[in-house]
Amino acid sequence: MLPGVYHYFVRRHLREVVRRLNAGDYEFVRRQFHPAAEHWFSGEHALSGRRTSASRIADWYARLGVVFPSLRFETDALFVSGPPWRTRAALEWTDEARDTRGAPMVNRGVFVLELRWGKAISFHVHCDTALLERNLGLLAEQGVREARLAPIEG
């Protein structure tokens, strides 16, 4: 397969992953990870940390769904390069969620991925962590206990 065609299909698949993430289909998202994947989120908050096992990655997505049940991402840009055995992708996004009172909370960031034969071997999340920490603090004040928990690691 020509690189341009391969990259087209990777971009299409990553857009589908974001669509399923927006639909709350975390089981589908979790299945996109290689068994030896690293899932890492910057900062020092309830969603930060490094996970390297399928069960801990699943735990992280479960927490995400509790903390931000209305979370939706919009893809601003998507870049893909490399061969199927070492594909690199960067997805710039804007997100929006609602606090428990319905007020919007937004952030911007980038997902940086390495794929091996279509499975994410490395997934890093970079965003405005100060804004995210403020939003998590607000949710914790509104009674969302999971917003103040220690990061899921391991």
N, C-alpha and C. Protein backbone atom coordinates (compact mmCIF):
# COMPACT_ATOMS: atom_id res chain seq x y z
N MET A 1 0.85 -1.17 0.00
CA MET A 1 0.00 0.00 0.00
C MET A 1 0.90 1.24 0.00
N LEU A 2 0.55 2.20 -0.79
CA LEU A 2 1.31 3.45 -0.86
C LEU A 2 1.18 4.22 0.44
N PRO A 3 2.25 4.91 0.86
CA PRO A 3 2.20 5.65 2.13
C PRO A 3 1.02 6.62 2.22
N GLY A 4 0.73 7.34 1.16
CA GLY A 4 -0.39 8.30 1.20
C GLY A 4 -1.71 7.62 1.46
N VAL A 5 -1.92 6.46 0.85
CA VAL A 5 -3.15 5.71 1.05
C VAL A 5 -3.21 5.16 2.47
N TYR A 6 -2.11 4.61 2.93
CA TYR A 6 -2.04 4.09 4.30
C TYR A 6 -2.34 5.21 5.31
N HIS A 7 -1.72 6.36 5.14
CA HIS A 7 -1.94 7.48 6.06
C HIS A 7 -3.38 7.96 6.02
N TYR A 8 -4.00 7.93 4.85
CA TYR A 8 -5.41 8.28 4.73
C TYR A 8 -6.25 7.37 5.63
N PHE A 9 -6.00 6.06 5.56
CA PHE A 9 -6.77 5.12 6.37
C PHE A 9 -6.49 5.28 7.86
N VAL A 10 -5.27 5.60 8.23
CA VAL A 10 -4.96 5.85 9.65
C VAL A 10 -5.71 7.09 10.12
N ARG A 11 -5.68 8.17 9.34
CA ARG A 11 -6.41 9.38 9.72
C ARG A 11 -7.90 9.10 9.87
N ARG A 12 -8.46 8.35 8.93
CA ARG A 12 -9.88 8.00 8.99
C ARG A 12 -10.18 7.19 10.25
N HIS A 13 -9.31 6.23 10.56
CA HIS A 13 -9.52 5.42 11.76
C HIS A 13 -9.41 6.27 13.04
N LEU A 14 -8.44 7.16 13.11
CA LEU A 14 -8.29 8.00 14.30
C LEU A 14 -9.50 8.92 14.47
N ARG A 15 -10.06 9.41 13.37
CA ARG A 15 -11.29 10.21 13.47
C ARG A 15 -12.45 9.37 14.02
N GLU A 16 -12.49 8.09 13.63
CA GLU A 16 -13.52 7.19 14.16
C GLU A 16 -13.29 6.94 15.65
N VAL A 17 -12.05 6.82 16.07
CA VAL A 17 -11.76 6.64 17.50
C VAL A 17 -12.26 7.86 18.28
N VAL A 18 -12.01 9.06 17.77
CA VAL A 18 -12.49 10.28 18.44
C VAL A 18 -14.02 10.31 18.47
N ARG A 19 -14.65 9.90 17.38
CA ARG A 19 -16.12 9.86 17.34
C ARG A 19 -16.64 8.90 18.42
N ARG A 20 -16.01 7.74 18.57
CA ARG A 20 -16.44 6.76 19.57
C ARG A 20 -16.12 7.25 20.99
N LEU A 21 -15.00 7.96 21.14
CA LEU A 21 -14.67 8.57 22.42
C LEU A 21 -15.76 9.57 22.81
N ASN A 22 -16.17 10.39 21.86
CA ASN A 22 -17.23 11.37 22.11
C ASN A 22 -18.56 10.71 22.46
N ALA A 23 -18.77 9.51 21.95
CA ALA A 23 -20.00 8.77 22.24
C ALA A 23 -19.92 8.02 23.57
N GLY A 24 -18.76 8.10 24.24
CA GLY A 24 -18.59 7.40 25.51
C GLY A 24 -18.31 5.92 25.35
N ASP A 25 -17.92 5.49 24.16
CA ASP A 25 -17.64 4.08 23.91
C ASP A 25 -16.18 3.79 24.30
N TYR A 26 -15.92 3.81 25.59
CA TYR A 26 -14.56 3.65 26.09
C TYR A 26 -14.03 2.24 25.88
N GLU A 27 -14.91 1.26 25.79
CA GLU A 27 -14.46 -0.10 25.51
C GLU A 27 -13.85 -0.18 24.11
N PHE A 28 -14.49 0.46 23.14
CA PHE A 28 -13.92 0.50 21.79
C PHE A 28 -12.56 1.20 21.82
N VAL A 29 -12.49 2.33 22.50
CA VAL A 29 -11.23 3.08 22.58
C VAL A 29 -10.16 2.22 23.23
N ARG A 30 -10.48 1.55 24.31
CA ARG A 30 -9.51 0.72 25.01
C ARG A 30 -8.96 -0.39 24.10
N ARG A 31 -9.80 -0.93 23.24
CA ARG A 31 -9.36 -2.01 22.33
C ARG A 31 -8.38 -1.52 21.27
N GLN A 32 -8.19 -0.23 21.15
CA GLN A 32 -7.26 0.31 20.15
C GLN A 32 -5.81 0.27 20.64
N PHE A 33 -5.61 -0.14 21.90
CA PHE A 33 -4.27 -0.17 22.48
C PHE A 33 -3.62 -1.53 22.30
N HIS A 34 -2.35 -1.50 21.99
CA HIS A 34 -1.50 -2.70 21.96
C HIS A 34 -1.40 -3.22 23.39
N PRO A 35 -1.27 -4.54 23.59
CA PRO A 35 -1.15 -5.07 24.96
C PRO A 35 0.02 -4.47 25.76
N ALA A 36 1.06 -4.02 25.09
CA ALA A 36 2.22 -3.44 25.78
C ALA A 36 2.22 -1.91 25.71
N ALA A 37 1.06 -1.31 25.62
CA ALA A 37 0.95 0.14 25.42
C ALA A 37 1.32 0.94 26.66
N GLU A 38 1.76 2.17 26.41
CA GLU A 38 1.94 3.17 27.45
C GLU A 38 0.89 4.25 27.23
N HIS A 39 0.14 4.57 28.29
CA HIS A 39 -0.89 5.62 28.27
C HIS A 39 -0.45 6.66 29.29
N TRP A 40 -0.15 7.87 28.84
CA TRP A 40 0.44 8.88 29.71
C TRP A 40 -0.30 10.21 29.54
N PHE A 41 -0.55 10.88 30.66
CA PHE A 41 -1.24 12.18 30.66
C PHE A 41 -0.42 13.12 31.52
N SER A 42 -0.10 14.29 30.98
CA SER A 42 0.75 15.25 31.68
C SER A 42 0.05 15.85 32.90
N GLY A 43 0.85 16.36 33.83
CA GLY A 43 0.34 17.08 34.98
C GLY A 43 0.38 16.28 36.27
N GLU A 44 -0.24 16.87 37.28
CA GLU A 44 -0.36 16.27 38.62
C GLU A 44 -1.81 16.43 39.06
N HIS A 45 -2.66 15.51 38.65
CA HIS A 45 -4.10 15.60 38.94
C HIS A 45 -4.72 14.22 38.79
N ALA A 46 -6.01 14.12 38.93
CA ALA A 46 -6.72 12.83 38.94
C ALA A 46 -6.62 12.07 37.62
N LEU A 47 -6.32 12.74 36.52
CA LEU A 47 -6.22 12.07 35.23
C LEU A 47 -4.77 11.90 34.76
N SER A 48 -3.82 12.43 35.50
CA SER A 48 -2.42 12.38 35.08
C SER A 48 -1.82 11.01 35.34
N GLY A 49 -0.56 10.87 34.98
CA GLY A 49 0.17 9.65 35.30
C GLY A 49 0.44 8.78 34.09
N ARG A 50 1.06 7.64 34.39
CA ARG A 50 1.49 6.70 33.35
C ARG A 50 0.93 5.32 33.67
N ARG A 51 0.28 4.75 32.66
CA ARG A 51 -0.29 3.42 32.77
C ARG A 51 0.31 2.52 31.70
N THR A 52 0.63 1.29 32.07
CA THR A 52 1.25 0.37 31.12
C THR A 52 0.57 -1.00 31.11
N SER A 53 -0.60 -1.10 31.67
CA SER A 53 -1.34 -2.36 31.62
C SER A 53 -2.75 -2.08 31.12
N ALA A 54 -3.32 -3.07 30.44
CA ALA A 54 -4.67 -2.91 29.88
C ALA A 54 -5.69 -2.62 30.98
N SER A 55 -5.54 -3.24 32.13
CA SER A 55 -6.52 -3.03 33.20
C SER A 55 -6.43 -1.61 33.76
N ARG A 56 -5.24 -1.07 33.89
CA ARG A 56 -5.09 0.29 34.41
C ARG A 56 -5.56 1.32 33.38
N ILE A 57 -5.33 1.03 32.10
CA ILE A 57 -5.85 1.91 31.05
C ILE A 57 -7.38 1.89 31.07
N ALA A 58 -7.97 0.72 31.24
CA ALA A 58 -9.43 0.61 31.35
C ALA A 58 -9.93 1.38 32.57
N ASP A 59 -9.22 1.27 33.70
CA ASP A 59 -9.59 2.03 34.91
C ASP A 59 -9.57 3.53 34.63
N TRP A 60 -8.56 3.99 33.87
CA TRP A 60 -8.44 5.41 33.56
C TRP A 60 -9.64 5.88 32.74
N TYR A 61 -10.02 5.11 31.74
CA TYR A 61 -11.17 5.52 30.92
C TYR A 61 -12.47 5.49 31.72
N ALA A 62 -12.58 4.55 32.65
CA ALA A 62 -13.75 4.53 33.53
C ALA A 62 -13.81 5.81 34.36
N ARG A 63 -12.66 6.24 34.88
CA ARG A 63 -12.62 7.49 35.65
C ARG A 63 -12.94 8.68 34.77
N LEU A 64 -12.39 8.71 33.57
CA LEU A 64 -12.69 9.82 32.65
C LEU A 64 -14.19 9.96 32.45
N GLY A 65 -14.88 8.83 32.26
CA GLY A 65 -16.32 8.86 32.05
C GLY A 65 -17.10 9.37 33.25
N VAL A 66 -16.60 9.11 34.45
CA VAL A 66 -17.26 9.60 35.66
C VAL A 66 -16.99 11.09 35.86
N VAL A 67 -15.75 11.49 35.65
CA VAL A 67 -15.37 12.88 35.91
C VAL A 67 -15.95 13.82 34.85
N PHE A 68 -15.88 13.40 33.59
CA PHE A 68 -16.35 14.25 32.49
C PHE A 68 -17.33 13.48 31.61
N PRO A 69 -18.53 13.19 32.11
CA PRO A 69 -19.47 12.39 31.32
C PRO A 69 -19.93 13.07 30.03
N SER A 70 -19.83 14.38 29.96
CA SER A 70 -20.28 15.10 28.76
C SER A 70 -19.12 15.51 27.85
N LEU A 71 -17.93 14.99 28.08
CA LEU A 71 -16.74 15.39 27.34
C LEU A 71 -16.88 15.11 25.84
N ARG A 72 -16.55 16.13 25.03
CA ARG A 72 -16.58 15.99 23.58
C ARG A 72 -15.34 16.67 23.01
N PHE A 73 -14.71 16.01 22.05
CA PHE A 73 -13.52 16.54 21.38
C PHE A 73 -13.86 16.96 19.97
N GLU A 74 -13.23 18.02 19.53
CA GLU A 74 -13.27 18.42 18.13
C GLU A 74 -11.84 18.40 17.61
N THR A 75 -11.62 17.70 16.52
CA THR A 75 -10.29 17.61 15.93
C THR A 75 -9.98 18.88 15.17
N ASP A 76 -8.90 19.55 15.54
CA ASP A 76 -8.47 20.78 14.86
C ASP A 76 -7.46 20.48 13.77
N ALA A 77 -6.60 19.49 13.97
CA ALA A 77 -5.60 19.09 12.98
C ALA A 77 -5.17 17.67 13.30
N LEU A 78 -4.79 16.95 12.25
CA LEU A 78 -4.37 15.56 12.41
C LEU A 78 -3.20 15.30 11.47
N PHE A 79 -2.09 14.86 12.03
CA PHE A 79 -0.87 14.60 11.26
C PHE A 79 -0.48 13.14 11.44
N VAL A 80 -0.12 12.48 10.34
CA VAL A 80 0.28 11.08 10.38
C VAL A 80 1.53 10.91 9.52
N SER A 81 2.49 10.12 10.03
CA SER A 81 3.68 9.81 9.24
C SER A 81 4.21 8.45 9.65
N GLY A 82 5.05 7.90 8.80
CA GLY A 82 5.73 6.66 9.12
C GLY A 82 5.07 5.41 8.57
N PRO A 83 5.80 4.31 8.63
CA PRO A 83 5.31 3.03 8.12
C PRO A 83 4.38 2.34 9.13
N PRO A 84 3.69 1.28 8.71
CA PRO A 84 2.74 0.59 9.60
C PRO A 84 3.36 0.06 10.89
N TRP A 85 4.61 -0.28 10.88
CA TRP A 85 5.25 -0.83 12.09
C TRP A 85 5.75 0.27 13.03
N ARG A 86 5.68 1.53 12.60
CA ARG A 86 6.08 2.65 13.48
C ARG A 86 5.43 3.94 12.98
N THR A 87 4.12 3.98 13.06
CA THR A 87 3.37 5.15 12.62
C THR A 87 3.30 6.15 13.75
N ARG A 88 3.53 7.39 13.43
CA ARG A 88 3.41 8.47 14.41
C ARG A 88 2.22 9.34 14.00
N ALA A 89 1.46 9.78 14.99
CA ALA A 89 0.32 10.65 14.73
C ALA A 89 0.23 11.70 15.82
N ALA A 90 -0.22 12.87 15.43
CA ALA A 90 -0.50 13.96 16.38
C ALA A 90 -1.87 14.51 16.04
N LEU A 91 -2.70 14.59 17.05
CA LEU A 91 -4.06 15.07 16.86
C LEU A 91 -4.27 16.27 17.78
N GLU A 92 -4.39 17.45 17.17
CA GLU A 92 -4.68 18.66 17.95
C GLU A 92 -6.19 18.74 18.14
N TRP A 93 -6.60 19.09 19.35
CA TRP A 93 -8.02 19.10 19.65
C TRP A 93 -8.42 20.27 20.54
N THR A 94 -9.69 20.52 20.50
CA THR A 94 -10.38 21.39 21.45
C THR A 94 -11.46 20.53 22.08
N ASP A 95 -11.61 20.62 23.40
CA ASP A 95 -12.66 19.83 24.02
C ASP A 95 -13.61 20.73 24.79
N GLU A 96 -14.74 20.15 25.11
CA GLU A 96 -15.71 20.83 25.97
C GLU A 96 -16.41 19.78 26.80
N ALA A 97 -16.58 20.10 28.07
CA ALA A 97 -17.36 19.29 28.99
C ALA A 97 -18.24 20.26 29.77
N ARG A 98 -19.13 19.73 30.56
CA ARG A 98 -20.02 20.55 31.39
C ARG A 98 -19.81 20.17 32.85
N ASP A 99 -19.82 21.17 33.71
CA ASP A 99 -19.75 20.86 35.13
C ASP A 99 -21.12 20.35 35.57
N THR A 100 -21.29 20.03 36.85
CA THR A 100 -22.55 19.45 37.31
C THR A 100 -23.72 20.43 37.24
N ARG A 101 -23.42 21.71 37.06
CA ARG A 101 -24.47 22.73 36.93
C ARG A 101 -24.75 23.08 35.47
N GLY A 102 -24.01 22.44 34.55
CA GLY A 102 -24.22 22.69 33.13
C GLY A 102 -23.35 23.76 32.51
N ALA A 103 -22.46 24.35 33.30
CA ALA A 103 -21.57 25.38 32.78
C ALA A 103 -20.46 24.73 31.95
N PRO A 104 -20.08 25.35 30.83
CA PRO A 104 -19.04 24.74 29.98
C PRO A 104 -17.65 24.86 30.58
N MET A 105 -16.86 23.83 30.32
CA MET A 105 -15.44 23.80 30.67
C MET A 105 -14.72 23.37 29.40
N VAL A 106 -13.76 24.16 28.95
CA VAL A 106 -13.07 23.86 27.70
C VAL A 106 -11.57 23.71 27.95
N ASN A 107 -10.91 23.07 27.00
CA ASN A 107 -9.46 22.94 27.04
C ASN A 107 -8.99 22.70 25.62
N ARG A 108 -7.71 22.82 25.41
CA ARG A 108 -7.08 22.55 24.12
C ARG A 108 -5.86 21.69 24.39
N GLY A 109 -5.52 20.85 23.42
CA GLY A 109 -4.34 20.02 23.62
C GLY A 109 -4.01 19.22 22.40
N VAL A 110 -3.16 18.24 22.63
CA VAL A 110 -2.72 17.36 21.55
C VAL A 110 -2.55 15.94 22.10
N PHE A 111 -2.98 14.98 21.30
CA PHE A 111 -2.67 13.57 21.54
C PHE A 111 -1.48 13.25 20.65
N VAL A 112 -0.47 12.62 21.21
CA VAL A 112 0.68 12.17 20.43
C VAL A 112 0.71 10.65 20.54
N LEU A 113 0.64 9.99 19.40
CA LEU A 113 0.52 8.53 19.37
C LEU A 113 1.62 7.90 18.54
N GLU A 114 1.99 6.70 18.96
CA GLU A 114 2.77 5.83 18.10
C GLU A 114 1.96 4.56 17.93
N LEU A 115 1.77 4.17 16.69
CA LEU A 115 1.00 2.99 16.36
C LEU A 115 1.92 1.91 15.80
N ARG A 116 1.62 0.68 16.14
CA ARG A 116 2.33 -0.46 15.58
C ARG A 116 1.27 -1.38 15.00
N TRP A 117 1.27 -1.47 13.67
CA TRP A 117 0.30 -2.29 12.95
C TRP A 117 -1.13 -1.97 13.40
N GLY A 118 -1.43 -0.67 13.52
CA GLY A 118 -2.78 -0.21 13.81
C GLY A 118 -3.15 -0.12 15.28
N LYS A 119 -2.30 -0.57 16.18
CA LYS A 119 -2.58 -0.51 17.62
C LYS A 119 -1.69 0.54 18.27
N ALA A 120 -2.26 1.29 19.20
CA ALA A 120 -1.50 2.33 19.90
C ALA A 120 -0.52 1.68 20.86
N ILE A 121 0.74 1.91 20.64
CA ILE A 121 1.80 1.42 21.53
C ILE A 121 2.18 2.52 22.53
N SER A 122 1.92 3.76 22.14
CA SER A 122 2.22 4.91 23.00
C SER A 122 1.15 5.97 22.75
N PHE A 123 0.57 6.47 23.84
CA PHE A 123 -0.48 7.50 23.75
C PHE A 123 -0.18 8.53 24.83
N HIS A 124 0.16 9.73 24.41
CA HIS A 124 0.48 10.81 25.35
C HIS A 124 -0.52 11.94 25.17
N VAL A 125 -0.99 12.48 26.28
CA VAL A 125 -1.94 13.59 26.27
C VAL A 125 -1.27 14.82 26.86
N HIS A 126 -1.25 15.89 26.09
CA HIS A 126 -0.72 17.19 26.53
C HIS A 126 -1.84 18.21 26.41
N CYS A 127 -2.07 18.98 27.46
CA CYS A 127 -3.10 20.02 27.42
C CYS A 127 -2.73 21.11 28.42
N ASP A 128 -3.60 22.08 28.56
CA ASP A 128 -3.42 23.13 29.56
C ASP A 128 -3.74 22.52 30.92
N THR A 129 -2.72 22.02 31.60
CA THR A 129 -2.95 21.31 32.86
C THR A 129 -3.42 22.24 33.97
N ALA A 130 -3.02 23.50 33.95
CA ALA A 130 -3.50 24.44 34.98
C ALA A 130 -5.02 24.61 34.84
N LEU A 131 -5.49 24.74 33.62
CA LEU A 131 -6.93 24.85 33.38
C LEU A 131 -7.65 23.56 33.78
N LEU A 132 -7.07 22.43 33.42
CA LEU A 132 -7.67 21.14 33.78
C LEU A 132 -7.72 20.98 35.29
N GLU A 133 -6.65 21.32 35.99
CA GLU A 133 -6.64 21.22 37.45
C GLU A 133 -7.71 22.12 38.06
N ARG A 134 -7.90 23.31 37.50
CA ARG A 134 -8.96 24.20 37.98
C ARG A 134 -10.34 23.57 37.75
N ASN A 135 -10.55 22.98 36.57
CA ASN A 135 -11.83 22.34 36.28
C ASN A 135 -12.07 21.13 37.20
N LEU A 136 -11.02 20.35 37.44
CA LEU A 136 -11.17 19.21 38.35
C LEU A 136 -11.48 19.69 39.77
N GLY A 137 -10.86 20.77 40.19
CA GLY A 137 -11.15 21.34 41.51
C GLY A 137 -12.59 21.79 41.62
N LEU A 138 -13.09 22.41 40.58
CA LEU A 138 -14.48 22.84 40.55
C LEU A 138 -15.42 21.64 40.64
N LEU A 139 -15.13 20.60 39.88
CA LEU A 139 -15.95 19.40 39.94
C LEU A 139 -15.90 18.75 41.31
N ALA A 140 -14.72 18.73 41.92
CA ALA A 140 -14.59 18.16 43.27
C ALA A 140 -15.45 18.95 44.26
N GLU A 141 -15.43 20.28 44.15
CA GLU A 141 -16.28 21.11 45.01
C GLU A 141 -17.76 20.84 44.78
N GLN A 142 -18.11 20.41 43.57
CA GLN A 142 -19.50 20.11 43.23
C GLN A 142 -19.88 18.67 43.57
N GLY A 143 -18.96 17.94 44.20
CA GLY A 143 -19.28 16.61 44.68
C GLY A 143 -18.79 15.45 43.83
N VAL A 144 -18.00 15.72 42.79
CA VAL A 144 -17.46 14.63 41.96
C VAL A 144 -16.19 14.13 42.65
N ARG A 145 -16.34 13.11 43.49
CA ARG A 145 -15.25 12.58 44.30
C ARG A 145 -14.04 12.17 43.46
N GLU A 146 -14.28 11.55 42.31
CA GLU A 146 -13.19 11.04 41.46
C GLU A 146 -12.30 12.15 40.92
N ALA A 147 -12.79 13.39 40.91
CA ALA A 147 -12.01 14.52 40.40
C ALA A 147 -10.83 14.87 41.30
N ARG A 148 -10.84 14.38 42.53
CA ARG A 148 -9.74 14.70 43.45
C ARG A 148 -8.88 13.50 43.83
N LEU A 149 -9.13 12.36 43.22
CA LEU A 149 -8.37 11.15 43.55
C LEU A 149 -6.94 11.23 43.01
N ALA A 150 -6.09 10.39 43.56
CA ALA A 150 -4.70 10.28 43.07
C ALA A 150 -4.71 9.70 41.67
N PRO A 151 -3.69 10.00 40.88
CA PRO A 151 -3.61 9.45 39.52
C PRO A 151 -3.64 7.93 39.51
N ILE A 152 -4.17 7.38 38.45
CA ILE A 152 -4.13 5.93 38.22
C ILE A 152 -2.81 5.62 37.55
N GLU A 153 -2.00 4.82 38.19
CA GLU A 153 -0.66 4.47 37.68
C GLU A 153 -0.56 2.96 37.54
N GLY A 154 0.47 2.54 36.83
CA GLY A 154 0.80 1.12 36.78
C GLY A 154 0.37 0.42 35.52
